[in-house]
Amino acid sequence: MLALTTAGCGLVLNAVPTVRGMAYMTAAQCDIPEQIAEWGCDVKLWDVMPRGGRRDLERYARDGKEELARSRIVTLREVAALADDTGLGESEAAATAAMKKAAASKAASKAAEETAAEEAVAEAMKARLQEMQTDGEVVVAQRAEMQAAYSAAVAKAAEEAAKTLQAKLQEMKAQGEAAVAQRAEMQAAYMKAAEKAAAAAKEAAARAAPPPVGFEWGGIY
């Protein structure tokens, strides 16, 4: 098919490719923005693209969002490839409907994948929570065992301390009793010594006393 285009002030006759009997114009002859064409969208894709896709690309072009636009073009091209098997060579309405159907199918598949991924994440989180719960129960059991061991150790230490104290008290009691006995012995020895000293003093005093009147050693006068 031939298309008539302008070049400067003259006319140029260009050949326009056709697909399944459907003619496609160049970007300059179509309403596709040049910026979008530079980002990878050709006339063929633009011609069968849903209006929503065109609006998105036009908005991206106005906002200068090249990365989003290129990503959107790739997605639309994949959808168009799916729709090409059933309707790309038919009328624009049929092609658009096929693309919408393919887009819906792809969206449903993507939603199913996302749902499966979310379920997998949920299962992983559930398993992790159960694992953490088990770990927590183990920690609680270990803490209870340690508490019981500590209580037993404290009780044993207290028992040993009580036995040691009791033995010390008995030892002190025995020492006290021995001291009392020694004091009693010393007291008795002191009393005996005092009595003996008193008797000796009395005897000495008796010897040192003067004789009675009229008494003379050797006889009485």
N, C-alpha and C. Protein backbone atom coordinates (compact mmCIF):
# COMPACT_ATOMS: atom_id res chain seq x y z
N MET A 1 0.86 -1.19 0.00
CA MET A 1 0.00 0.00 0.00
C MET A 1 0.88 1.23 0.00
N LEU A 2 0.49 2.31 -0.69
CA LEU A 2 1.25 3.54 -0.76
C LEU A 2 0.53 4.62 0.01
N ALA A 3 1.33 5.48 0.70
CA ALA A 3 0.75 6.59 1.47
C ALA A 3 1.45 7.86 1.04
N LEU A 4 0.69 8.94 0.96
CA LEU A 4 1.21 10.22 0.53
C LEU A 4 1.53 11.05 1.76
N THR A 5 2.78 11.48 1.90
CA THR A 5 3.19 12.30 3.06
C THR A 5 3.88 13.54 2.55
N THR A 6 4.05 14.51 3.42
CA THR A 6 4.71 15.77 3.07
C THR A 6 6.11 15.74 3.59
N ALA A 7 7.05 16.32 2.85
CA ALA A 7 8.44 16.45 3.27
C ALA A 7 8.90 17.82 2.86
N GLY A 8 9.00 18.73 3.79
CA GLY A 8 9.32 20.12 3.47
C GLY A 8 8.17 20.73 2.70
N CYS A 9 8.44 21.21 1.46
CA CYS A 9 7.38 21.80 0.64
C CYS A 9 6.94 20.86 -0.47
N GLY A 10 7.50 19.66 -0.49
CA GLY A 10 7.15 18.75 -1.57
C GLY A 10 6.32 17.60 -1.06
N LEU A 11 6.02 16.67 -1.97
CA LEU A 11 5.23 15.48 -1.65
C LEU A 11 6.11 14.26 -1.85
N VAL A 12 5.99 13.30 -0.92
CA VAL A 12 6.78 12.08 -1.00
C VAL A 12 5.83 10.91 -0.95
N LEU A 13 6.03 9.97 -1.83
CA LEU A 13 5.21 8.77 -1.88
C LEU A 13 5.95 7.66 -1.16
N ASN A 14 5.41 7.23 0.00
CA ASN A 14 6.03 6.21 0.83
C ASN A 14 5.22 4.92 0.79
N ALA A 15 5.93 3.82 0.94
CA ALA A 15 5.26 2.52 1.05
C ALA A 15 4.93 2.27 2.50
N VAL A 16 3.70 1.89 2.77
CA VAL A 16 3.25 1.62 4.14
C VAL A 16 2.98 0.13 4.26
N PRO A 17 3.63 -0.55 5.26
CA PRO A 17 3.42 -2.00 5.40
C PRO A 17 2.01 -2.31 5.85
N THR A 18 1.54 -3.48 5.51
CA THR A 18 0.21 -3.94 5.92
C THR A 18 0.36 -5.25 6.65
N VAL A 19 -0.55 -5.48 7.58
CA VAL A 19 -0.59 -6.74 8.34
C VAL A 19 -2.00 -7.29 8.22
N ARG A 20 -2.11 -8.50 7.61
CA ARG A 20 -3.41 -9.16 7.43
C ARG A 20 -4.40 -8.22 6.76
N GLY A 21 -3.93 -7.49 5.78
CA GLY A 21 -4.85 -6.64 5.01
C GLY A 21 -5.16 -5.33 5.68
N MET A 22 -4.47 -5.02 6.83
CA MET A 22 -4.78 -3.80 7.58
C MET A 22 -3.59 -2.87 7.47
N ALA A 23 -3.77 -1.67 6.92
CA ALA A 23 -2.67 -0.75 6.67
C ALA A 23 -2.33 0.01 7.95
N TYR A 24 -1.02 0.25 8.16
CA TYR A 24 -0.56 1.00 9.31
C TYR A 24 0.29 2.15 8.84
N MET A 25 0.05 3.33 9.38
CA MET A 25 0.78 4.53 9.00
C MET A 25 1.98 4.71 9.91
N THR A 26 2.88 5.59 9.51
CA THR A 26 4.03 5.91 10.34
C THR A 26 3.56 6.78 11.50
N ALA A 27 4.48 7.02 12.48
CA ALA A 27 4.12 7.82 13.64
C ALA A 27 3.72 9.23 13.25
N ALA A 28 4.38 9.77 12.18
CA ALA A 28 4.05 11.13 11.75
C ALA A 28 2.65 11.19 11.16
N GLN A 29 2.16 10.08 10.61
CA GLN A 29 0.83 10.06 9.98
C GLN A 29 -0.26 9.65 10.96
N CYS A 30 0.12 9.12 12.12
CA CYS A 30 -0.86 8.66 13.11
C CYS A 30 -0.91 9.66 14.26
N ASP A 31 -1.85 9.45 15.18
CA ASP A 31 -1.97 10.36 16.31
C ASP A 31 -1.06 9.97 17.47
N ILE A 32 -0.14 9.05 17.26
CA ILE A 32 0.78 8.64 18.31
C ILE A 32 1.78 9.75 18.59
N PRO A 33 1.96 10.17 19.83
CA PRO A 33 2.96 11.20 20.14
C PRO A 33 4.37 10.72 19.81
N GLU A 34 5.19 11.64 19.32
CA GLU A 34 6.54 11.26 18.92
C GLU A 34 7.36 10.75 20.10
N GLN A 35 7.14 11.35 21.30
CA GLN A 35 7.89 10.92 22.48
C GLN A 35 7.60 9.47 22.81
N ILE A 36 6.33 9.09 22.69
CA ILE A 36 5.95 7.70 22.98
C ILE A 36 6.55 6.78 21.94
N ALA A 37 6.59 7.22 20.68
CA ALA A 37 7.20 6.42 19.62
C ALA A 37 8.69 6.23 19.88
N GLU A 38 9.34 7.28 20.38
CA GLU A 38 10.77 7.16 20.68
C GLU A 38 11.03 6.18 21.82
N TRP A 39 10.07 6.03 22.72
CA TRP A 39 10.24 5.13 23.86
C TRP A 39 9.92 3.67 23.52
N GLY A 40 9.55 3.40 22.24
CA GLY A 40 9.40 2.01 21.82
C GLY A 40 8.02 1.60 21.38
N CYS A 41 7.07 2.52 21.31
CA CYS A 41 5.72 2.15 20.88
C CYS A 41 5.59 2.42 19.38
N ASP A 42 5.30 1.35 18.62
CA ASP A 42 5.15 1.54 17.17
C ASP A 42 3.69 1.77 16.82
N VAL A 43 3.47 2.07 15.55
CA VAL A 43 2.11 2.38 15.09
C VAL A 43 1.19 1.17 15.23
N LYS A 44 1.73 0.00 14.96
CA LYS A 44 0.94 -1.22 15.04
C LYS A 44 0.37 -1.40 16.45
N LEU A 45 1.22 -1.23 17.46
CA LEU A 45 0.77 -1.39 18.85
C LEU A 45 -0.18 -0.27 19.23
N TRP A 46 0.14 0.95 18.79
CA TRP A 46 -0.72 2.10 19.14
C TRP A 46 -2.10 1.96 18.53
N ASP A 47 -2.16 1.40 17.32
CA ASP A 47 -3.43 1.30 16.60
C ASP A 47 -4.42 0.38 17.31
N VAL A 48 -3.89 -0.70 17.95
CA VAL A 48 -4.79 -1.66 18.61
C VAL A 48 -4.80 -1.50 20.12
N MET A 49 -4.13 -0.50 20.61
CA MET A 49 -4.02 -0.30 22.05
C MET A 49 -5.34 0.22 22.62
N PRO A 50 -5.77 -0.28 23.77
CA PRO A 50 -6.99 0.25 24.42
C PRO A 50 -6.81 1.73 24.76
N ARG A 51 -7.92 2.42 24.85
CA ARG A 51 -7.85 3.85 25.14
C ARG A 51 -7.20 4.11 26.49
N GLY A 52 -7.46 3.23 27.44
CA GLY A 52 -6.84 3.41 28.76
C GLY A 52 -5.32 3.36 28.68
N GLY A 53 -4.80 2.45 27.86
CA GLY A 53 -3.36 2.36 27.67
C GLY A 53 -2.81 3.61 27.02
N ARG A 54 -3.53 4.14 26.00
CA ARG A 54 -3.08 5.37 25.35
C ARG A 54 -3.05 6.53 26.33
N ARG A 55 -4.11 6.63 27.16
CA ARG A 55 -4.16 7.73 28.13
C ARG A 55 -2.99 7.65 29.11
N ASP A 56 -2.68 6.43 29.54
CA ASP A 56 -1.56 6.27 30.47
C ASP A 56 -0.25 6.73 29.83
N LEU A 57 0.00 6.29 28.59
CA LEU A 57 1.24 6.67 27.92
C LEU A 57 1.31 8.17 27.65
N GLU A 58 0.17 8.76 27.25
CA GLU A 58 0.15 10.20 27.02
C GLU A 58 0.44 10.97 28.32
N ARG A 59 -0.10 10.46 29.43
CA ARG A 59 0.17 11.12 30.72
C ARG A 59 1.63 10.97 31.12
N TYR A 60 2.19 9.77 30.89
CA TYR A 60 3.61 9.58 31.17
C TYR A 60 4.48 10.50 30.32
N ALA A 61 4.07 10.68 29.05
CA ALA A 61 4.83 11.55 28.15
C ALA A 61 4.77 13.00 28.63
N ARG A 62 3.61 13.44 29.09
CA ARG A 62 3.47 14.81 29.59
C ARG A 62 4.31 15.02 30.85
N ASP A 63 4.33 13.98 31.72
CA ASP A 63 5.06 14.09 33.00
C ASP A 63 6.53 13.73 32.87
N GLY A 64 6.95 13.26 31.69
CA GLY A 64 8.34 12.89 31.50
C GLY A 64 8.75 11.62 32.23
N LYS A 65 7.81 10.71 32.46
CA LYS A 65 8.11 9.47 33.19
C LYS A 65 8.44 8.37 32.18
N GLU A 66 9.66 8.41 31.72
CA GLU A 66 10.09 7.48 30.67
C GLU A 66 10.09 6.03 31.15
N GLU A 67 10.59 5.80 32.35
CA GLU A 67 10.70 4.41 32.84
C GLU A 67 9.33 3.76 32.95
N LEU A 68 8.35 4.50 33.51
CA LEU A 68 7.00 3.96 33.61
C LEU A 68 6.40 3.72 32.22
N ALA A 69 6.66 4.64 31.31
CA ALA A 69 6.12 4.51 29.96
C ALA A 69 6.69 3.28 29.26
N ARG A 70 8.00 3.10 29.35
CA ARG A 70 8.62 1.93 28.69
C ARG A 70 8.10 0.63 29.30
N SER A 71 7.93 0.60 30.62
CA SER A 71 7.39 -0.60 31.27
C SER A 71 5.96 -0.88 30.81
N ARG A 72 5.18 0.20 30.69
CA ARG A 72 3.80 0.06 30.24
C ARG A 72 3.75 -0.42 28.79
N ILE A 73 4.65 0.06 27.97
CA ILE A 73 4.70 -0.35 26.55
C ILE A 73 5.03 -1.83 26.45
N VAL A 74 5.98 -2.30 27.27
CA VAL A 74 6.34 -3.72 27.26
C VAL A 74 5.13 -4.57 27.63
N THR A 75 4.42 -4.14 28.67
CA THR A 75 3.23 -4.90 29.10
C THR A 75 2.18 -4.92 28.01
N LEU A 76 1.91 -3.76 27.41
CA LEU A 76 0.90 -3.69 26.35
C LEU A 76 1.32 -4.51 25.14
N ARG A 77 2.61 -4.55 24.85
CA ARG A 77 3.08 -5.35 23.72
C ARG A 77 2.87 -6.85 23.99
N GLU A 78 3.12 -7.28 25.27
CA GLU A 78 2.88 -8.68 25.61
C GLU A 78 1.41 -9.03 25.48
N VAL A 79 0.56 -8.11 25.94
CA VAL A 79 -0.88 -8.34 25.83
C VAL A 79 -1.29 -8.38 24.36
N ALA A 80 -0.71 -7.48 23.55
CA ALA A 80 -1.04 -7.46 22.12
C ALA A 80 -0.60 -8.74 21.44
N ALA A 81 0.53 -9.30 21.88
CA ALA A 81 1.00 -10.55 21.30
C ALA A 81 0.03 -11.68 21.59
N LEU A 82 -0.55 -11.65 22.80
CA LEU A 82 -1.55 -12.67 23.13
C LEU A 82 -2.82 -12.48 22.31
N ALA A 83 -3.19 -11.22 22.11
CA ALA A 83 -4.40 -10.94 21.36
C ALA A 83 -4.21 -11.12 19.86
N ASP A 84 -2.98 -11.09 19.37
CA ASP A 84 -2.70 -11.18 17.94
C ASP A 84 -3.14 -12.51 17.35
N ASP A 85 -3.13 -13.55 18.19
CA ASP A 85 -3.53 -14.87 17.70
C ASP A 85 -5.02 -14.94 17.41
N THR A 86 -5.79 -14.02 18.00
CA THR A 86 -7.25 -14.13 17.86
C THR A 86 -7.89 -12.94 17.19
N GLY A 87 -7.21 -11.75 17.21
CA GLY A 87 -7.96 -10.63 16.68
C GLY A 87 -7.19 -9.46 16.17
N LEU A 88 -5.88 -9.49 16.07
CA LEU A 88 -5.14 -8.32 15.68
C LEU A 88 -5.37 -7.92 14.23
N GLY A 89 -5.67 -8.88 13.38
CA GLY A 89 -5.89 -8.56 11.97
C GLY A 89 -7.33 -8.23 11.65
N GLU A 90 -8.22 -8.23 12.64
CA GLU A 90 -9.62 -7.92 12.40
C GLU A 90 -9.85 -6.43 12.57
N SER A 91 -11.08 -6.06 12.79
CA SER A 91 -11.39 -4.64 12.95
C SER A 91 -10.79 -4.11 14.24
N GLU A 92 -10.68 -2.79 14.34
CA GLU A 92 -10.08 -2.18 15.53
C GLU A 92 -10.87 -2.52 16.78
N ALA A 93 -12.21 -2.52 16.67
CA ALA A 93 -13.04 -2.83 17.83
C ALA A 93 -12.81 -4.26 18.29
N ALA A 94 -12.73 -5.20 17.32
CA ALA A 94 -12.50 -6.59 17.66
C ALA A 94 -11.11 -6.78 18.25
N ALA A 95 -10.12 -6.09 17.67
CA ALA A 95 -8.75 -6.20 18.17
C ALA A 95 -8.66 -5.63 19.58
N THR A 96 -9.32 -4.49 19.78
CA THR A 96 -9.31 -3.88 21.11
C THR A 96 -9.97 -4.79 22.13
N ALA A 97 -11.10 -5.40 21.72
CA ALA A 97 -11.79 -6.33 22.62
C ALA A 97 -10.91 -7.52 22.94
N ALA A 98 -10.20 -8.02 21.93
CA ALA A 98 -9.31 -9.15 22.16
C ALA A 98 -8.18 -8.77 23.12
N MET A 99 -7.65 -7.54 22.94
CA MET A 99 -6.60 -7.08 23.83
C MET A 99 -7.11 -6.93 25.25
N LYS A 100 -8.33 -6.40 25.39
CA LYS A 100 -8.91 -6.25 26.71
C LYS A 100 -9.10 -7.61 27.38
N LYS A 101 -9.55 -8.58 26.57
CA LYS A 101 -9.75 -9.93 27.10
C LYS A 101 -8.42 -10.54 27.52
N ALA A 102 -7.41 -10.34 26.66
CA ALA A 102 -6.08 -10.87 26.99
C ALA A 102 -5.51 -10.18 28.22
N ALA A 103 -5.75 -8.84 28.30
CA ALA A 103 -5.28 -8.09 29.46
C ALA A 103 -5.97 -8.58 30.73
N ALA A 104 -7.29 -8.83 30.62
CA ALA A 104 -8.02 -9.33 31.78
C ALA A 104 -7.51 -10.70 32.20
N SER A 105 -7.22 -11.54 31.20
CA SER A 105 -6.69 -12.88 31.50
C SER A 105 -5.34 -12.78 32.18
N LYS A 106 -4.49 -11.88 31.66
CA LYS A 106 -3.18 -11.72 32.26
C LYS A 106 -3.28 -11.14 33.66
N ALA A 107 -4.21 -10.18 33.84
CA ALA A 107 -4.40 -9.60 35.17
C ALA A 107 -4.89 -10.65 36.16
N ALA A 108 -5.82 -11.52 35.67
CA ALA A 108 -6.32 -12.59 36.55
C ALA A 108 -5.21 -13.55 36.92
N SER A 109 -4.36 -13.88 35.91
CA SER A 109 -3.23 -14.77 36.19
C SER A 109 -2.26 -14.14 37.18
N LYS A 110 -2.01 -12.83 36.98
CA LYS A 110 -1.11 -12.14 37.89
C LYS A 110 -1.70 -12.07 39.29
N ALA A 111 -3.02 -11.81 39.35
CA ALA A 111 -3.69 -11.77 40.66
C ALA A 111 -3.62 -13.13 41.35
N ALA A 112 -3.78 -14.20 40.56
CA ALA A 112 -3.68 -15.55 41.13
C ALA A 112 -2.27 -15.81 41.66
N GLU A 113 -1.27 -15.36 40.87
CA GLU A 113 0.12 -15.53 41.33
C GLU A 113 0.37 -14.73 42.60
N GLU A 114 -0.15 -13.50 42.63
CA GLU A 114 0.04 -12.68 43.83
C GLU A 114 -0.66 -13.30 45.03
N THR A 115 -1.88 -13.84 44.76
CA THR A 115 -2.60 -14.49 45.86
C THR A 115 -1.83 -15.71 46.37
N ALA A 116 -1.30 -16.49 45.44
CA ALA A 116 -0.51 -17.66 45.84
C ALA A 116 0.72 -17.23 46.62
N ALA A 117 1.36 -16.15 46.16
CA ALA A 117 2.54 -15.66 46.86
C ALA A 117 2.18 -15.18 48.26
N GLU A 118 1.04 -14.47 48.36
CA GLU A 118 0.59 -13.99 49.68
C GLU A 118 0.26 -15.15 50.59
N GLU A 119 -0.38 -16.20 50.03
CA GLU A 119 -0.69 -17.37 50.84
C GLU A 119 0.59 -18.06 51.30
N ALA A 120 1.58 -18.13 50.40
CA ALA A 120 2.86 -18.74 50.78
C ALA A 120 3.53 -17.94 51.89
N VAL A 121 3.47 -16.61 51.78
CA VAL A 121 4.04 -15.77 52.83
C VAL A 121 3.30 -15.96 54.14
N ALA A 122 1.96 -16.05 54.04
CA ALA A 122 1.16 -16.25 55.24
C ALA A 122 1.49 -17.59 55.90
N GLU A 123 1.63 -18.64 55.08
CA GLU A 123 1.99 -19.95 55.62
C GLU A 123 3.37 -19.91 56.27
N ALA A 124 4.30 -19.22 55.62
CA ALA A 124 5.64 -19.11 56.18
C ALA A 124 5.62 -18.36 57.51
N MET A 125 4.81 -17.30 57.56
CA MET A 125 4.70 -16.54 58.80
C MET A 125 4.04 -17.38 59.88
N LYS A 126 3.03 -18.16 59.50
CA LYS A 126 2.35 -19.03 60.46
C LYS A 126 3.32 -20.07 61.01
N ALA A 127 4.11 -20.67 60.11
CA ALA A 127 5.10 -21.65 60.54
C ALA A 127 6.13 -21.02 61.47
N ARG A 128 6.54 -19.80 61.12
CA ARG A 128 7.52 -19.10 61.96
C ARG A 128 6.95 -18.79 63.33
N LEU A 129 5.68 -18.37 63.36
CA LEU A 129 5.03 -18.08 64.64
C LEU A 129 4.93 -19.34 65.50
N GLN A 130 4.57 -20.46 64.86
CA GLN A 130 4.51 -21.71 65.60
C GLN A 130 5.89 -22.09 66.12
N GLU A 131 6.91 -21.88 65.29
CA GLU A 131 8.27 -22.18 65.72
C GLU A 131 8.67 -21.29 66.89
N MET A 132 8.32 -20.00 66.80
CA MET A 132 8.63 -19.09 67.89
C MET A 132 7.87 -19.46 69.15
N GLN A 133 6.61 -19.91 68.98
CA GLN A 133 5.83 -20.33 70.14
C GLN A 133 6.47 -21.54 70.80
N THR A 134 6.92 -22.50 69.95
CA THR A 134 7.61 -23.68 70.49
C THR A 134 8.89 -23.27 71.20
N ASP A 135 9.64 -22.37 70.58
CA ASP A 135 10.87 -21.89 71.22
C ASP A 135 10.56 -21.21 72.54
N GLY A 136 9.48 -20.44 72.56
CA GLY A 136 9.08 -19.77 73.80
C GLY A 136 8.72 -20.76 74.89
N GLU A 137 7.99 -21.81 74.50
CA GLU A 137 7.62 -22.84 75.48
C GLU A 137 8.86 -23.55 76.01
N VAL A 138 9.82 -23.79 75.12
CA VAL A 138 11.07 -24.43 75.55
C VAL A 138 11.80 -23.52 76.53
N VAL A 139 11.85 -22.23 76.22
CA VAL A 139 12.52 -21.28 77.11
C VAL A 139 11.83 -21.23 78.46
N VAL A 140 10.51 -21.23 78.43
CA VAL A 140 9.76 -21.21 79.69
C VAL A 140 10.05 -22.46 80.52
N ALA A 141 10.06 -23.62 79.84
CA ALA A 141 10.37 -24.87 80.54
C ALA A 141 11.78 -24.85 81.12
N GLN A 142 12.73 -24.36 80.33
CA GLN A 142 14.11 -24.27 80.82
C GLN A 142 14.20 -23.32 82.01
N ARG A 143 13.48 -22.22 81.93
CA ARG A 143 13.49 -21.26 83.04
C ARG A 143 12.91 -21.90 84.30
N ALA A 144 11.83 -22.67 84.12
CA ALA A 144 11.23 -23.36 85.28
C ALA A 144 12.21 -24.35 85.89
N GLU A 145 12.93 -25.08 85.03
CA GLU A 145 13.93 -26.03 85.53
C GLU A 145 15.04 -25.31 86.28
N MET A 146 15.51 -24.20 85.72
CA MET A 146 16.56 -23.43 86.38
C MET A 146 16.07 -22.86 87.71
N GLN A 147 14.82 -22.42 87.74
CA GLN A 147 14.24 -21.89 88.98
C GLN A 147 14.16 -22.97 90.04
N ALA A 148 13.73 -24.17 89.61
CA ALA A 148 13.64 -25.29 90.54
C ALA A 148 15.03 -25.67 91.06
N ALA A 149 16.03 -25.71 90.14
CA ALA A 149 17.39 -26.04 90.55
C ALA A 149 17.93 -24.98 91.52
N TYR A 150 17.64 -23.72 91.23
CA TYR A 150 18.08 -22.65 92.12
C TYR A 150 17.44 -22.77 93.50
N SER A 151 16.14 -23.04 93.52
CA SER A 151 15.45 -23.20 94.81
C SER A 151 16.03 -24.37 95.59
N ALA A 152 16.30 -25.47 94.85
CA ALA A 152 16.89 -26.63 95.52
C ALA A 152 18.27 -26.29 96.06
N ALA A 153 19.06 -25.55 95.27
CA ALA A 153 20.40 -25.17 95.73
C ALA A 153 20.32 -24.27 96.96
N VAL A 154 19.37 -23.32 96.93
CA VAL A 154 19.19 -22.43 98.08
C VAL A 154 18.78 -23.23 99.31
N ALA A 155 17.85 -24.17 99.12
CA ALA A 155 17.40 -24.98 100.25
C ALA A 155 18.55 -25.82 100.81
N LYS A 156 19.34 -26.41 99.89
CA LYS A 156 20.47 -27.22 100.33
C LYS A 156 21.50 -26.36 101.07
N ALA A 157 21.78 -25.18 100.51
CA ALA A 157 22.73 -24.29 101.17
C ALA A 157 22.22 -23.86 102.54
N ALA A 158 20.92 -23.57 102.62
CA ALA A 158 20.34 -23.19 103.90
C ALA A 158 20.43 -24.35 104.90
N GLU A 159 20.17 -25.56 104.43
CA GLU A 159 20.26 -26.73 105.30
C GLU A 159 21.68 -26.93 105.81
N GLU A 160 22.65 -26.82 104.89
CA GLU A 160 24.04 -26.96 105.30
C GLU A 160 24.45 -25.85 106.26
N ALA A 161 23.99 -24.63 105.98
CA ALA A 161 24.30 -23.52 106.88
C ALA A 161 23.68 -23.75 108.26
N ALA A 162 22.45 -24.27 108.28
CA ALA A 162 21.79 -24.57 109.56
C ALA A 162 22.56 -25.64 110.33
N LYS A 163 23.01 -26.68 109.61
CA LYS A 163 23.79 -27.73 110.27
C LYS A 163 25.09 -27.17 110.83
N THR A 164 25.76 -26.33 110.03
CA THR A 164 27.02 -25.73 110.49
C THR A 164 26.78 -24.86 111.73
N LEU A 165 25.70 -24.07 111.69
CA LEU A 165 25.38 -23.21 112.82
C LEU A 165 25.05 -24.03 114.06
N GLN A 166 24.29 -25.09 113.85
CA GLN A 166 23.93 -25.95 114.98
C GLN A 166 25.17 -26.60 115.59
N ALA A 167 26.09 -27.05 114.73
CA ALA A 167 27.33 -27.64 115.24
C ALA A 167 28.14 -26.60 116.00
N LYS A 168 28.19 -25.39 115.49
CA LYS A 168 28.92 -24.33 116.17
C LYS A 168 28.31 -24.01 117.52
N LEU A 169 26.97 -23.97 117.56
CA LEU A 169 26.30 -23.71 118.82
C LEU A 169 26.59 -24.81 119.84
N GLN A 170 26.56 -26.06 119.37
CA GLN A 170 26.87 -27.17 120.27
C GLN A 170 28.31 -27.08 120.75
N GLU A 171 29.20 -26.69 119.84
CA GLU A 171 30.60 -26.54 120.22
C GLU A 171 30.75 -25.44 121.28
N MET A 172 30.07 -24.31 121.05
CA MET A 172 30.13 -23.21 122.00
C MET A 172 29.51 -23.61 123.33
N LYS A 173 28.43 -24.39 123.27
CA LYS A 173 27.79 -24.86 124.49
C LYS A 173 28.75 -25.75 125.29
N ALA A 174 29.41 -26.66 124.53
CA ALA A 174 30.37 -27.54 125.20
C ALA A 174 31.51 -26.73 125.80
N GLN A 175 31.99 -25.74 125.02
CA GLN A 175 33.05 -24.89 125.54
C GLN A 175 32.58 -24.11 126.77
N GLY A 176 31.32 -23.66 126.73
CA GLY A 176 30.77 -22.94 127.88
C GLY A 176 30.67 -23.84 129.10
N GLU A 177 30.19 -25.06 128.88
CA GLU A 177 30.09 -26.00 129.99
C GLU A 177 31.48 -26.31 130.56
N ALA A 178 32.45 -26.47 129.66
CA ALA A 178 33.81 -26.73 130.13
C ALA A 178 34.35 -25.55 130.92
N ALA A 179 34.04 -24.33 130.45
CA ALA A 179 34.48 -23.14 131.16
C ALA A 179 33.82 -23.06 132.53
N VAL A 180 32.54 -23.38 132.61
CA VAL A 180 31.83 -23.37 133.89
C VAL A 180 32.44 -24.40 134.85
N ALA A 181 32.76 -25.58 134.29
CA ALA A 181 33.36 -26.62 135.13
C ALA A 181 34.73 -26.18 135.64
N GLN A 182 35.50 -25.57 134.72
CA GLN A 182 36.81 -25.08 135.13
C GLN A 182 36.69 -23.98 136.18
N ARG A 183 35.70 -23.12 136.01
CA ARG A 183 35.49 -22.05 137.00
C ARG A 183 35.10 -22.65 138.34
N ALA A 184 34.26 -23.68 138.29
CA ALA A 184 33.86 -24.32 139.54
C ALA A 184 35.07 -24.97 140.23
N GLU A 185 35.90 -25.63 139.43
CA GLU A 185 37.11 -26.24 139.99
C GLU A 185 38.04 -25.18 140.59
N MET A 186 38.18 -24.09 139.84
CA MET A 186 39.03 -23.02 140.35
C MET A 186 38.43 -22.41 141.61
N GLN A 187 37.12 -22.28 141.64
CA GLN A 187 36.46 -21.74 142.83
C GLN A 187 36.66 -22.65 144.02
N ALA A 188 36.51 -23.94 143.77
CA ALA A 188 36.72 -24.91 144.86
C ALA A 188 38.16 -24.89 145.34
N ALA A 189 39.11 -24.83 144.38
CA ALA A 189 40.52 -24.77 144.77
C ALA A 189 40.81 -23.51 145.55
N TYR A 190 40.18 -22.40 145.09
CA TYR A 190 40.38 -21.14 145.80
C TYR A 190 39.85 -21.23 147.22
N MET A 191 38.66 -21.81 147.39
CA MET A 191 38.06 -21.95 148.72
C MET A 191 38.93 -22.82 149.61
N LYS A 192 39.41 -23.88 149.05
CA LYS A 192 40.26 -24.79 149.82
C LYS A 192 41.55 -24.09 150.23
N ALA A 193 42.12 -23.35 149.28
CA ALA A 193 43.34 -22.62 149.59
C ALA A 193 43.09 -21.56 150.62
N ALA A 194 41.94 -20.90 150.53
CA ALA A 194 41.60 -19.86 151.49
C ALA A 194 41.42 -20.45 152.88
N GLU A 195 40.74 -21.58 152.94
CA GLU A 195 40.54 -22.24 154.24
C GLU A 195 41.89 -22.65 154.83
N LYS A 196 42.73 -23.21 153.98
CA LYS A 196 44.04 -23.64 154.46
C LYS A 196 44.86 -22.45 154.93
N ALA A 197 44.76 -21.35 154.20
CA ALA A 197 45.49 -20.16 154.61
C ALA A 197 44.96 -19.61 155.91
N ALA A 198 43.64 -19.65 156.11
CA ALA A 198 43.03 -19.16 157.34
C ALA A 198 43.46 -20.00 158.54
N ALA A 199 43.51 -21.31 158.34
CA ALA A 199 43.93 -22.20 159.43
C ALA A 199 45.38 -21.95 159.79
N ALA A 200 46.20 -21.77 158.77
CA ALA A 200 47.61 -21.51 159.03
C ALA A 200 47.80 -20.19 159.75
N ALA A 201 47.02 -19.19 159.34
CA ALA A 201 47.11 -17.89 159.99
C ALA A 201 46.66 -17.99 161.45
N LYS A 202 45.63 -18.74 161.68
CA LYS A 202 45.12 -18.90 163.05
C LYS A 202 46.16 -19.59 163.91
N GLU A 203 46.75 -20.60 163.38
CA GLU A 203 47.77 -21.34 164.13
C GLU A 203 48.97 -20.44 164.41
N ALA A 204 49.35 -19.68 163.43
CA ALA A 204 50.48 -18.76 163.63
C ALA A 204 50.16 -17.72 164.66
N ALA A 205 48.92 -17.23 164.63
CA ALA A 205 48.51 -16.22 165.59
C ALA A 205 48.50 -16.80 167.00
N ALA A 206 48.08 -18.06 167.09
CA ALA A 206 48.04 -18.70 168.41
C ALA A 206 49.44 -18.85 168.98
N ARG A 207 50.36 -19.16 168.17
CA ARG A 207 51.73 -19.31 168.64
C ARG A 207 52.35 -17.97 169.03
N ALA A 208 51.96 -16.96 168.37
CA ALA A 208 52.55 -15.66 168.65
C ALA A 208 51.91 -14.94 169.81
N ALA A 209 50.87 -15.41 170.44
CA ALA A 209 50.17 -14.72 171.53
C ALA A 209 50.99 -14.85 172.83
N PRO A 210 51.03 -13.80 173.76
CA PRO A 210 51.78 -13.88 175.02
C PRO A 210 51.14 -14.89 175.99
N PRO A 211 51.94 -15.46 176.91
CA PRO A 211 51.38 -16.45 177.84
C PRO A 211 50.47 -15.76 178.86
N PRO A 212 49.59 -16.44 179.47
CA PRO A 212 48.68 -15.85 180.46
C PRO A 212 49.46 -15.39 181.70
N VAL A 213 48.83 -14.51 182.49
CA VAL A 213 49.45 -13.97 183.72
C VAL A 213 49.69 -15.11 184.69
N GLY A 214 50.81 -15.12 185.39
CA GLY A 214 51.16 -16.18 186.32
C GLY A 214 51.63 -17.41 185.64
N PHE A 215 51.77 -17.32 184.37
CA PHE A 215 52.26 -18.50 183.62
C PHE A 215 53.73 -18.28 183.31
N GLU A 216 54.45 -19.22 183.56
CA GLU A 216 55.87 -19.13 183.28
C GLU A 216 56.30 -20.42 182.64
N TRP A 217 57.12 -20.22 181.77
CA TRP A 217 57.55 -21.41 181.06
C TRP A 217 58.34 -22.30 182.02
N GLY A 218 58.00 -23.42 182.03
CA GLY A 218 58.66 -24.40 182.91
C GLY A 218 57.91 -24.69 184.19
N GLY A 219 56.90 -23.93 184.53
CA GLY A 219 56.12 -24.21 185.75
C GLY A 219 55.24 -23.07 186.13
N ILE A 220 54.52 -23.25 187.19
CA ILE A 220 53.57 -22.23 187.62
C ILE A 220 54.07 -21.78 189.04
N TYR A 221 54.03 -20.48 189.30
CA TYR A 221 54.43 -19.95 190.60
C TYR A 221 53.26 -19.38 191.29
